Amino acid sequence: MLTARTEARELVLQIAGPLRLGENVKGALARVARTTGLTDRRVRGICTARRARSPRSRWIA
């Protein structure tokens, strides 16, 4: 069973998809932020799992 943090990280990585040619991870996470409407900082926190609060369902929905 996945925790909420793990599931949120998997969703971010799934939305990001493979890196585009010449794109770095920071750029891909910024693209995810634009797509989801979350802030860059929130997406980076979810993906790196450093000091990120547990995601709430309203953030993911």
C-alpha atoms as a PDB file:
ATOM      1  CA  MET A   1       0.000   0.000   0.000  1.00  0.00           C
ATOM      2  CA  LEU A   2       1.388   3.382  -1.016  1.00  0.00           C
ATOM      3  CA  THR A   3       1.535   6.315   1.344  1.00  0.00           C
ATOM      4  CA  ALA A   4       0.042   9.622   0.266  1.00  0.00           C
ATOM      5  CA  ARG A   5       3.514  11.101  -0.244  1.00  0.00           C
ATOM      6  CA  THR A   6       4.656   8.189  -2.383  1.00  0.00           C
ATOM      7  CA  GLU A   7       1.484   8.272  -4.444  1.00  0.00           C
ATOM      8  CA  ALA A   8       1.779  12.042  -4.975  1.00  0.00           C
ATOM      9  CA  ARG A   9       5.411  11.625  -6.060  1.00  0.00           C
ATOM     10  CA  GLU A  10       4.428   8.898  -8.520  1.00  0.00           C
ATOM     11  CA  LEU A  11       1.709  11.157  -9.949  1.00  0.00           C
ATOM     12  CA  VAL A  12       4.169  14.034 -10.392  1.00  0.00           C
ATOM     13  CA  LEU A  13       6.612  11.759 -12.180  1.00  0.00           C
ATOM     14  CA  GLN A  14       3.825  10.351 -14.348  1.00  0.00           C
ATOM     15  CA  ILE A  15       2.659  13.856 -15.327  1.00  0.00           C
ATOM     16  CA  ALA A  16       6.239  14.910 -16.072  1.00  0.00           C
ATOM     17  CA  GLY A  17       6.817  11.949 -18.344  1.00  0.00           C
ATOM     18  CA  PRO A  18      10.228  11.494 -19.946  1.00  0.00           C
ATOM     19  CA  LEU A  19      12.545  14.484 -20.048  1.00  0.00           C
ATOM     20  CA  ARG A  20      12.529  16.329 -23.335  1.00  0.00           C
ATOM     21  CA  LEU A  21      15.756  16.791 -25.247  1.00  0.00           C
ATOM     22  CA  GLY A  22      17.782  19.496 -23.530  1.00  0.00           C
ATOM     23  CA  GLU A  23      15.399  19.751 -20.579  1.00  0.00           C
ATOM     24  CA  ASN A  24      16.602  19.447 -17.006  1.00  0.00           C
ATOM     25  CA  VAL A  25      14.693  18.124 -14.001  1.00  0.00           C
ATOM     26  CA  LYS A  26      13.960  21.614 -12.694  1.00  0.00           C
ATOM     27  CA  GLY A  27      12.384  22.518 -16.036  1.00  0.00           C
ATOM     28  CA  ALA A  28      10.296  19.367 -16.063  1.00  0.00           C
ATOM     29  CA  LEU A  29       9.023  20.055 -12.554  1.00  0.00           C
ATOM     30  CA  ALA A  30       8.162  23.638 -13.553  1.00  0.00           C
ATOM     31  CA  ARG A  31       6.169  22.203 -16.463  1.00  0.00           C
ATOM     32  CA  VAL A  32       4.309  19.919 -14.035  1.00  0.00           C
ATOM     33  CA  ALA A  33       3.571  22.928 -11.829  1.00  0.00           C
ATOM     34  CA  ARG A  34       2.060  24.830 -14.770  1.00  0.00           C
ATOM     35  CA  THR A  35       0.038  21.790 -15.803  1.00  0.00           C
ATOM     36  CA  THR A  36      -1.345  21.077 -12.330  1.00  0.00           C
ATOM     37  CA  GLY A  37      -1.722  24.623 -11.060  1.00  0.00           C
ATOM     38  CA  LEU A  38       0.505  23.923  -8.058  1.00  0.00           C
ATOM     39  CA  THR A  39       3.470  26.117  -7.213  1.00  0.00           C
ATOM     40  CA  ASP A  40       6.971  25.148  -8.330  1.00  0.00           C
ATOM     41  CA  ARG A  41       8.018  24.827  -4.723  1.00  0.00           C
ATOM     42  CA  ARG A  42       5.117  22.490  -3.876  1.00  0.00           C
ATOM     43  CA  VAL A  43       5.877  20.228  -6.857  1.00  0.00           C
ATOM     44  CA  ARG A  44       9.595  20.110  -6.003  1.00  0.00           C
ATOM     45  CA  GLY A  45       8.727  19.328  -2.391  1.00  0.00           C
ATOM     46  CA  ILE A  46       6.457  16.476  -3.411  1.00  0.00           C
ATOM     47  CA  CYS A  47       8.941  15.049  -5.868  1.00  0.00           C
ATOM     48  CA  THR A  48      12.012  15.231  -3.670  1.00  0.00           C
ATOM     49  CA  ALA A  49      10.049  14.383  -0.494  1.00  0.00           C
ATOM     50  CA  ARG A  50      12.155  16.841   1.482  1.00  0.00           C
ATOM     51  CA  ARG A  51      10.191  18.682   4.102  1.00  0.00           C
ATOM     52  CA  ALA A  52       7.030  18.353   2.048  1.00  0.00           C
ATOM     53  CA  ARG A  53       3.843  18.252   4.004  1.00  0.00           C
ATOM     54  CA  SER A  54       1.612  15.307   3.375  1.00  0.00           C
ATOM     55  CA  PRO A  55      -0.393  16.068   0.229  1.00  0.00           C
ATOM     56  CA  ARG A  56      -4.059  16.829   0.642  1.00  0.00           C
ATOM     57  CA  SER A  57      -6.631  15.382  -1.717  1.00  0.00           C
ATOM     58  CA  ARG A  58      -7.680  18.859  -2.857  1.00  0.00           C
ATOM     59  CA  TRP A  59      -4.133  19.484  -4.147  1.00  0.00           C
ATOM     60  CA  ILE A  60      -4.162  16.367  -6.316  1.00  0.00           C
ATOM     61  CA  ALA A  61      -7.768  16.395  -7.531  1.00  0.00           C
END
